[in-house]
Structures are given as structure tokens and as C-alpha cells.
Amino acid sequence: MSLKEKLLEDLKSAMKSKDKETMSVIRLVKGALQLEEISKKRELTDDEVIGIISKQIKQRKDANIEFEKGNRQDLVDKNNSEISILNRYMPEQLDSSEVEKIIDEKIKELGVTTQKEMGKLMGSLTPILKGKTDMSMVSAIVKEKLS
């Protein structure tokens, strides 16, 4: 079963159980998936679906920063709840030690030593780590290791 099919199945069960929050979150993701499929004129792969879901998570995390500045704990809580729903569809997240190990291996493999070569390193890390960890964290670790 593809990830998209799983989302649609979960939408049906959320409708049956009248779980409005899950329904609303999955409908937003479904809309984003449909827009992407229309623009690409084909069905999305599971990796592309994961990419869209991770964008949705990132948008909510970014919004939380602004909501916290505005003392809107109610909106922060709502976003955190939506993030936990979205995380059900993400692959298992790697912890920072696993990420560092992968980065170290790629640095050795590519022989990267300076920050000028960071793009080359990030280009090889992105397909491996995208969706499995926060890429801004990866970027920060890479900068630290190359400085």
C-alpha cells in the first residue's frame, strides 16, 4: 500500500469516527498532493509524498515560532497536535548521533574539507537524509564540521 493510499484510508476512518482534527490535517495534505500531481502530470512516489508531508510539518514549526512570539499558546498547541498527526506518515526519524555518523562517512567518502565544498556534500546527503531528519540541523552540523 502506498503512502498516499494509507492517507486516504486514514481519512475514511477519521470521517467514520468523526475525528475532525485528523480529517482536517489529512485533507490539507491531500490537497497539497493533488496540486503537486497536477503540476507534475503524474502520480507521486512515496518519497515525494514524504517531501510534501515534511513541508507541512516545517510550515507548522515555523508558524509556532511566530505564535510563541505573539503569546498564542492555543495556536501552538493546535499546530503541535497537527504535527503529531503528520509524523505518523513520516519514516522513522534519525537521532543526531546517527546523522553525524552519516555526515562523517560522506565527508571521508567525498574528501570534502572546506565550506566551499559544502554544496557538494549537502547534495550527496539530501537524498539519504531528506524526510528522516531536519535538514536545517544537517546543514548546521555540516557547517560546524567544515569550519
C-alpha atoms as a PDB file:
ATOM      1  CA  MET A   1       0.000   0.000   0.000  1.00  0.00           C
ATOM      2  CA  SER A   2       1.429   3.370  -0.990  1.00  0.00           C
ATOM      3  CA  LEU A   3       1.667   6.242   1.468  1.00  0.00           C
ATOM      4  CA  LYS A   4      -0.992   8.145  -0.464  1.00  0.00           C
ATOM      5  CA  GLU A   5      -3.379   5.171  -0.206  1.00  0.00           C
ATOM      6  CA  LYS A   6      -2.697   4.977   3.531  1.00  0.00           C
ATOM      7  CA  LEU A   7      -3.551   8.684   3.873  1.00  0.00           C
ATOM      8  CA  LEU A   8      -6.840   8.154   2.041  1.00  0.00           C
ATOM      9  CA  GLU A   9      -7.696   5.100   4.171  1.00  0.00           C
ATOM     10  CA  ASP A  10      -6.961   7.081   7.339  1.00  0.00           C
ATOM     11  CA  LEU A  11      -9.134   9.926   6.027  1.00  0.00           C
ATOM     12  CA  LYS A  12     -12.038   7.488   5.629  1.00  0.00           C
ATOM     13  CA  SER A  13     -11.598   6.122   9.154  1.00  0.00           C
ATOM     14  CA  ALA A  14     -11.315   9.661  10.565  1.00  0.00           C
ATOM     15  CA  MET A  15     -14.586  10.526   8.828  1.00  0.00           C
ATOM     16  CA  LYS A  16     -16.274   7.425  10.258  1.00  0.00           C
ATOM     17  CA  SER A  17     -15.020   8.132  13.774  1.00  0.00           C
ATOM     18  CA  LYS A  18     -15.785  11.863  13.393  1.00  0.00           C
ATOM     19  CA  ASP A  19     -12.165  12.799  14.257  1.00  0.00           C
ATOM     20  CA  LYS A  20     -12.351  16.343  12.894  1.00  0.00           C
ATOM     21  CA  GLU A  21      -8.736  17.279  13.567  1.00  0.00           C
ATOM     22  CA  THR A  22      -7.257  14.254  11.761  1.00  0.00           C
ATOM     23  CA  MET A  23      -9.750  14.757   8.931  1.00  0.00           C
ATOM     24  CA  SER A  24      -8.755  18.393   8.537  1.00  0.00           C
ATOM     25  CA  VAL A  25      -4.995  17.683   8.563  1.00  0.00           C
ATOM     26  CA  ILE A  26      -5.240  14.812   6.059  1.00  0.00           C
ATOM     27  CA  ARG A  27      -7.464  16.906   3.782  1.00  0.00           C
ATOM     28  CA  LEU A  28      -4.823  19.663   3.742  1.00  0.00           C
ATOM     29  CA  VAL A  29      -2.133  17.133   2.834  1.00  0.00           C
ATOM     30  CA  LYS A  30      -4.411  15.560   0.216  1.00  0.00           C
ATOM     31  CA  GLY A  31      -4.938  18.995  -1.360  1.00  0.00           C
ATOM     32  CA  ALA A  32      -1.178  19.630  -1.458  1.00  0.00           C
ATOM     33  CA  LEU A  33      -0.652  16.195  -3.036  1.00  0.00           C
ATOM     34  CA  GLN A  34      -3.289  16.866  -5.694  1.00  0.00           C
ATOM     35  CA  LEU A  35      -1.727  20.218  -6.591  1.00  0.00           C
ATOM     36  CA  GLU A  36       1.681  18.583  -6.932  1.00  0.00           C
ATOM     37  CA  GLU A  37       0.281  15.763  -9.072  1.00  0.00           C
ATOM     38  CA  ILE A  38      -1.427  18.272 -11.345  1.00  0.00           C
ATOM     39  CA  SER A  39       1.781  20.255 -11.784  1.00  0.00           C
ATOM     40  CA  LYS A  40       3.851  17.097 -12.431  1.00  0.00           C
ATOM     41  CA  LYS A  41       1.094  15.434 -14.510  1.00  0.00           C
ATOM     42  CA  ARG A  42       1.696  12.054 -12.847  1.00  0.00           C
ATOM     43  CA  GLU A  43       1.200  10.079  -9.634  1.00  0.00           C
ATOM     44  CA  LEU A  44       3.620  10.968  -6.851  1.00  0.00           C
ATOM     45  CA  THR A  45       6.125   8.492  -5.442  1.00  0.00           C
ATOM     46  CA  ASP A  46       6.205   7.764  -1.710  1.00  0.00           C
ATOM     47  CA  ASP A  47       9.393   9.859  -1.425  1.00  0.00           C
ATOM     48  CA  GLU A  48       7.618  12.840  -2.989  1.00  0.00           C
ATOM     49  CA  VAL A  49       4.646  12.350  -0.649  1.00  0.00           C
ATOM     50  CA  ILE A  50       7.054  12.298   2.312  1.00  0.00           C
ATOM     51  CA  GLY A  51       8.605  15.525   0.990  1.00  0.00           C
ATOM     52  CA  ILE A  52       5.207  17.220   0.927  1.00  0.00           C
ATOM     53  CA  ILE A  53       4.335  15.998   4.417  1.00  0.00           C
ATOM     54  CA  SER A  54       7.688  17.211   5.732  1.00  0.00           C
ATOM     55  CA  LYS A  55       6.984  20.643   4.169  1.00  0.00           C
ATOM     56  CA  GLN A  56       3.659  20.691   6.020  1.00  0.00           C
ATOM     57  CA  ILE A  57       5.464  19.888   9.278  1.00  0.00           C
ATOM     58  CA  LYS A  58       8.072  22.582   8.650  1.00  0.00           C
ATOM     59  CA  GLN A  59       5.356  25.181   7.943  1.00  0.00           C
ATOM     60  CA  ARG A  60       3.718  24.401  11.275  1.00  0.00           C
ATOM     61  CA  LYS A  61       7.021  24.541  13.160  1.00  0.00           C
ATOM     62  CA  ASP A  62       7.823  27.906  11.558  1.00  0.00           C
ATOM     63  CA  ALA A  63       4.356  29.196  12.434  1.00  0.00           C
ATOM     64  CA  ASN A  64       4.847  28.040  16.037  1.00  0.00           C
ATOM     65  CA  ILE A  65       7.831  30.391  16.384  1.00  0.00           C
ATOM     66  CA  GLU A  66       5.621  33.332  15.400  1.00  0.00           C
ATOM     67  CA  PHE A  67       2.729  32.166  17.582  1.00  0.00           C
ATOM     68  CA  GLU A  68       5.062  31.905  20.584  1.00  0.00           C
ATOM     69  CA  LYS A  69       6.247  35.482  19.979  1.00  0.00           C
ATOM     70  CA  GLY A  70       2.606  36.555  19.961  1.00  0.00           C
ATOM     71  CA  ASN A  71       1.780  34.595  23.155  1.00  0.00           C
ATOM     72  CA  ARG A  72      -0.755  32.409  21.310  1.00  0.00           C
ATOM     73  CA  GLN A  73      -0.302  29.131  23.168  1.00  0.00           C
ATOM     74  CA  ASP A  74      -3.659  27.899  21.849  1.00  0.00           C
ATOM     75  CA  LEU A  75      -2.360  28.047  18.266  1.00  0.00           C
ATOM     76  CA  VAL A  76       0.980  26.489  19.270  1.00  0.00           C
ATOM     77  CA  ASP A  77      -0.890  23.569  20.871  1.00  0.00           C
ATOM     78  CA  LYS A  78      -3.103  23.162  17.783  1.00  0.00           C
ATOM     79  CA  ASN A  79      -0.034  23.111  15.498  1.00  0.00           C
ATOM     80  CA  ASN A  80       1.800  20.636  17.737  1.00  0.00           C
ATOM     81  CA  SER A  81      -1.224  18.355  17.628  1.00  0.00           C
ATOM     82  CA  GLU A  82      -1.277  18.583  13.810  1.00  0.00           C
ATOM     83  CA  ILE A  83       2.476  17.895  13.677  1.00  0.00           C
ATOM     84  CA  SER A  84       1.977  14.702  15.702  1.00  0.00           C
ATOM     85  CA  ILE A  85      -0.711  13.583  13.219  1.00  0.00           C
ATOM     86  CA  LEU A  86       1.611  14.303  10.271  1.00  0.00           C
ATOM     87  CA  ASN A  87       4.521  12.498  11.945  1.00  0.00           C
ATOM     88  CA  ARG A  88       2.536   9.229  11.711  1.00  0.00           C
ATOM     89  CA  TYR A  89       3.262   9.238   7.971  1.00  0.00           C
ATOM     90  CA  MET A  90       6.950  10.106   8.176  1.00  0.00           C
ATOM     91  CA  PRO A  91       9.701   7.490   8.144  1.00  0.00           C
ATOM     92  CA  GLU A  92      11.387   6.844  11.464  1.00  0.00           C
ATOM     93  CA  GLN A  93      13.463   9.885  12.357  1.00  0.00           C
ATOM     94  CA  LEU A  94      17.207   9.508  12.876  1.00  0.00           C
ATOM     95  CA  ASP A  95      18.763  10.810  16.081  1.00  0.00           C
ATOM     96  CA  SER A  96      21.612  13.326  15.949  1.00  0.00           C
ATOM     97  CA  SER A  97      24.355  10.729  16.563  1.00  0.00           C
ATOM     98  CA  GLU A  98      23.169   8.656  13.580  1.00  0.00           C
ATOM     99  CA  VAL A  99      23.030  11.804  11.434  1.00  0.00           C
ATOM    100  CA  GLU A 100      26.565  12.799  12.480  1.00  0.00           C
ATOM    101  CA  LYS A 101      27.838   9.324  11.635  1.00  0.00           C
ATOM    102  CA  ILE A 102      26.326   9.532   8.122  1.00  0.00           C
ATOM    103  CA  ILE A 103      27.791  13.029   7.640  1.00  0.00           C
ATOM    104  CA  ASP A 104      31.255  11.861   8.771  1.00  0.00           C
ATOM    105  CA  GLU A 105      31.124   8.917   6.348  1.00  0.00           C
ATOM    106  CA  LYS A 106      30.173  11.205   3.438  1.00  0.00           C
ATOM    107  CA  ILE A 107      32.927  13.715   4.327  1.00  0.00           C
ATOM    108  CA  LYS A 108      35.505  10.897   4.177  1.00  0.00           C
ATOM    109  CA  GLU A 109      33.992   9.380   1.031  1.00  0.00           C
ATOM    110  CA  LEU A 110      33.955  12.696  -0.870  1.00  0.00           C
ATOM    111  CA  GLY A 111      37.154  14.093   0.659  1.00  0.00           C
ATOM    112  CA  VAL A 112      35.420  17.382   1.494  1.00  0.00           C
ATOM    113  CA  THR A 113      37.482  19.716   3.703  1.00  0.00           C
ATOM    114  CA  THR A 114      36.265  23.303   3.217  1.00  0.00           C
ATOM    115  CA  GLN A 115      32.981  25.169   3.438  1.00  0.00           C
ATOM    116  CA  LYS A 116      33.305  25.955  -0.286  1.00  0.00           C
ATOM    117  CA  GLU A 117      32.601  22.263  -0.916  1.00  0.00           C
ATOM    118  CA  MET A 118      29.528  22.249   1.346  1.00  0.00           C
ATOM    119  CA  GLY A 119      27.121  22.218  -1.641  1.00  0.00           C
ATOM    120  CA  LYS A 120      28.729  19.039  -2.976  1.00  0.00           C
ATOM    121  CA  LEU A 121      28.398  17.392   0.459  1.00  0.00           C
ATOM    122  CA  MET A 122      24.808  18.547   1.025  1.00  0.00           C
ATOM    123  CA  GLY A 123      23.906  17.341  -2.483  1.00  0.00           C
ATOM    124  CA  SER A 124      25.006  13.828  -1.584  1.00  0.00           C
ATOM    125  CA  LEU A 125      23.435  13.908   1.902  1.00  0.00           C
ATOM    126  CA  THR A 126      20.000  15.196   0.875  1.00  0.00           C
ATOM    127  CA  PRO A 127      18.769  12.016  -0.885  1.00  0.00           C
ATOM    128  CA  ILE A 128      19.899   9.920   2.101  1.00  0.00           C
ATOM    129  CA  LEU A 129      18.546  12.105   4.924  1.00  0.00           C
ATOM    130  CA  LYS A 130      15.577  14.008   3.477  1.00  0.00           C
ATOM    131  CA  GLY A 131      12.423  13.133   5.386  1.00  0.00           C
ATOM    132  CA  LYS A 132      14.394  11.245   8.026  1.00  0.00           C
ATOM    133  CA  THR A 133      15.721  14.301   9.845  1.00  0.00           C
ATOM    134  CA  ASP A 134      15.535  18.088   9.907  1.00  0.00           C
ATOM    135  CA  MET A 135      17.719  19.248   7.009  1.00  0.00           C
ATOM    136  CA  SER A 136      18.468  22.601   8.701  1.00  0.00           C
ATOM    137  CA  MET A 137      20.062  20.613  11.537  1.00  0.00           C
ATOM    138  CA  VAL A 138      22.103  18.666   8.952  1.00  0.00           C
ATOM    139  CA  SER A 139      23.253  21.924   7.406  1.00  0.00           C
ATOM    140  CA  ALA A 140      24.307  23.306  10.805  1.00  0.00           C
ATOM    141  CA  ILE A 141      26.260  20.121  11.642  1.00  0.00           C
ATOM    142  CA  VAL A 142      27.986  20.198   8.239  1.00  0.00           C
ATOM    143  CA  LYS A 143      28.969  23.877   8.679  1.00  0.00           C
ATOM    144  CA  GLU A 144      30.369  23.102  12.125  1.00  0.00           C
ATOM    145  CA  LYS A 145      32.389  20.115  10.856  1.00  0.00           C
ATOM    146  CA  LEU A 146      33.813  22.015   7.876  1.00  0.00           C
ATOM    147  CA  SER A 147      34.846  25.132   9.792  1.00  0.00           C
END
